[in-house]
Amino acid sequence: MNFYEVQEQWNNLHWHTVAFFKKESDAEKLVSMYESRSSSYPVRIVENKFTSAKELKEKFGYSV
C-alpha cells in the first residue's frame, strides 16, 4: 500500500513534512494550494510504501 508525503523545502536542502495522504490526488491538491501562495517555498510529493512483516522476514531473516 502506497501513501504520499507532501514536503516543503525550508533553508538550503532541509525538507519539512507538511502532511501525509492515502491518495496522490489529495496530495496534488495541497501542493497546488501551496504553490498558489505568494510567498511559498518549493514543495514536493514523495511516494512511500508500507512494509509488511513478510517483506521484513525475507530481507532480514526474522519476523516481527
C-alpha atoms as a PDB file:
ATOM      1  CA  MET A   1       0.000   0.000   0.000  1.00  0.00           C
ATOM      2  CA  ASN A   2       1.390   3.376  -1.013  1.00  0.00           C
ATOM      3  CA  PHE A   3       1.000   6.662   0.777  1.00  0.00           C
ATOM      4  CA  TYR A   4       2.099  10.135  -0.201  1.00  0.00           C
ATOM      5  CA  GLU A   5       4.066  12.658   1.825  1.00  0.00           C
ATOM      6  CA  VAL A   6       3.986  16.363   0.977  1.00  0.00           C
ATOM      7  CA  GLN A   7       7.195  18.138   1.913  1.00  0.00           C
ATOM      8  CA  GLU A   8       8.146  21.821   1.910  1.00  0.00           C
ATOM      9  CA  GLN A   9      11.766  22.933   1.476  1.00  0.00           C
ATOM     10  CA  TRP A  10      12.958  25.256   4.186  1.00  0.00           C
ATOM     11  CA  ASN A  11      16.517  26.528   4.221  1.00  0.00           C
ATOM     12  CA  ASN A  12      19.029  25.002   1.809  1.00  0.00           C
ATOM     13  CA  LEU A  13      18.274  21.308   1.441  1.00  0.00           C
ATOM     14  CA  HIS A  14      16.177  20.678   4.565  1.00  0.00           C
ATOM     15  CA  TRP A  15      12.737  19.247   3.735  1.00  0.00           C
ATOM     16  CA  HIS A  16       9.918  19.549   6.287  1.00  0.00           C
ATOM     17  CA  THR A  17       6.913  17.202   6.224  1.00  0.00           C
ATOM     18  CA  VAL A  18       3.636  19.058   5.790  1.00  0.00           C
ATOM     19  CA  ALA A  19       1.129  16.182   5.539  1.00  0.00           C
ATOM     20  CA  PHE A  20       0.551  12.531   4.651  1.00  0.00           C
ATOM     21  CA  PHE A  21      -2.175  11.322   2.256  1.00  0.00           C
ATOM     22  CA  LYS A  22      -3.599   7.999   1.108  1.00  0.00           C
ATOM     23  CA  LYS A  23      -4.407   9.331  -2.367  1.00  0.00           C
ATOM     24  CA  GLU A  24      -1.998  11.083  -4.702  1.00  0.00           C
ATOM     25  CA  SER A  25      -4.783  13.368  -5.935  1.00  0.00           C
ATOM     26  CA  ASP A  26      -5.237  14.772  -2.417  1.00  0.00           C
ATOM     27  CA  ALA A  27      -1.503  15.428  -2.151  1.00  0.00           C
ATOM     28  CA  GLU A  28      -1.567  17.211  -5.513  1.00  0.00           C
ATOM     29  CA  LYS A  29      -4.428  19.438  -4.309  1.00  0.00           C
ATOM     30  CA  LEU A  30      -2.379  20.520  -1.299  1.00  0.00           C
ATOM     31  CA  VAL A  31       0.665  21.170  -3.488  1.00  0.00           C
ATOM     32  CA  SER A  32      -1.362  23.355  -5.845  1.00  0.00           C
ATOM     33  CA  MET A  33      -2.714  25.276  -2.850  1.00  0.00           C
ATOM     34  CA  TYR A  34       0.825  25.813  -1.510  1.00  0.00           C
ATOM     35  CA  GLU A  35       2.107  26.914  -4.937  1.00  0.00           C
ATOM     36  CA  SER A  36      -0.681  29.478  -5.294  1.00  0.00           C
ATOM     37  CA  ARG A  37       0.526  31.367  -2.201  1.00  0.00           C
ATOM     38  CA  SER A  38       2.594  34.466  -2.923  1.00  0.00           C
ATOM     39  CA  SER A  39       5.437  33.583  -0.566  1.00  0.00           C
ATOM     40  CA  SER A  40       5.877  29.858  -0.855  1.00  0.00           C
ATOM     41  CA  TYR A  41       8.805  27.544  -0.543  1.00  0.00           C
ATOM     42  CA  PRO A  42       9.368  24.693  -3.028  1.00  0.00           C
ATOM     43  CA  VAL A  43       7.033  21.749  -2.380  1.00  0.00           C
ATOM     44  CA  ARG A  44       7.334  18.111  -3.448  1.00  0.00           C
ATOM     45  CA  ILE A  45       5.406  14.858  -3.174  1.00  0.00           C
ATOM     46  CA  VAL A  46       7.277  11.757  -2.002  1.00  0.00           C
ATOM     47  CA  GLU A  47       5.692   8.358  -2.616  1.00  0.00           C
ATOM     48  CA  ASN A  48       6.260   5.875   0.224  1.00  0.00           C
ATOM     49  CA  LYS A  49       5.257   2.278   0.791  1.00  0.00           C
ATOM     50  CA  PHE A  50       4.286   0.388   3.918  1.00  0.00           C
ATOM     51  CA  THR A  51       6.463  -2.646   4.605  1.00  0.00           C
ATOM     52  CA  SER A  52       4.838  -5.940   5.526  1.00  0.00           C
ATOM     53  CA  ALA A  53       6.143  -8.435   8.069  1.00  0.00           C
ATOM     54  CA  LYS A  54       6.671 -10.909   5.228  1.00  0.00           C
ATOM     55  CA  GLU A  55       8.972  -8.464   3.411  1.00  0.00           C
ATOM     56  CA  LEU A  56      10.986  -7.923   6.601  1.00  0.00           C
ATOM     57  CA  LYS A  57      11.352 -11.650   7.107  1.00  0.00           C
ATOM     58  CA  GLU A  58      12.601 -12.076   3.528  1.00  0.00           C
ATOM     59  CA  LYS A  59      15.043  -9.189   3.848  1.00  0.00           C
ATOM     60  CA  PHE A  60      16.451  -9.759   7.339  1.00  0.00           C
ATOM     61  CA  GLY A  61      15.622 -13.388   8.022  1.00  0.00           C
ATOM     62  CA  TYR A  62      13.441 -12.893  11.096  1.00  0.00           C
ATOM     63  CA  SER A  63       9.836 -11.971  11.751  1.00  0.00           C
ATOM     64  CA  VAL A  64       8.474  -9.105  13.770  1.00  0.00           C
END
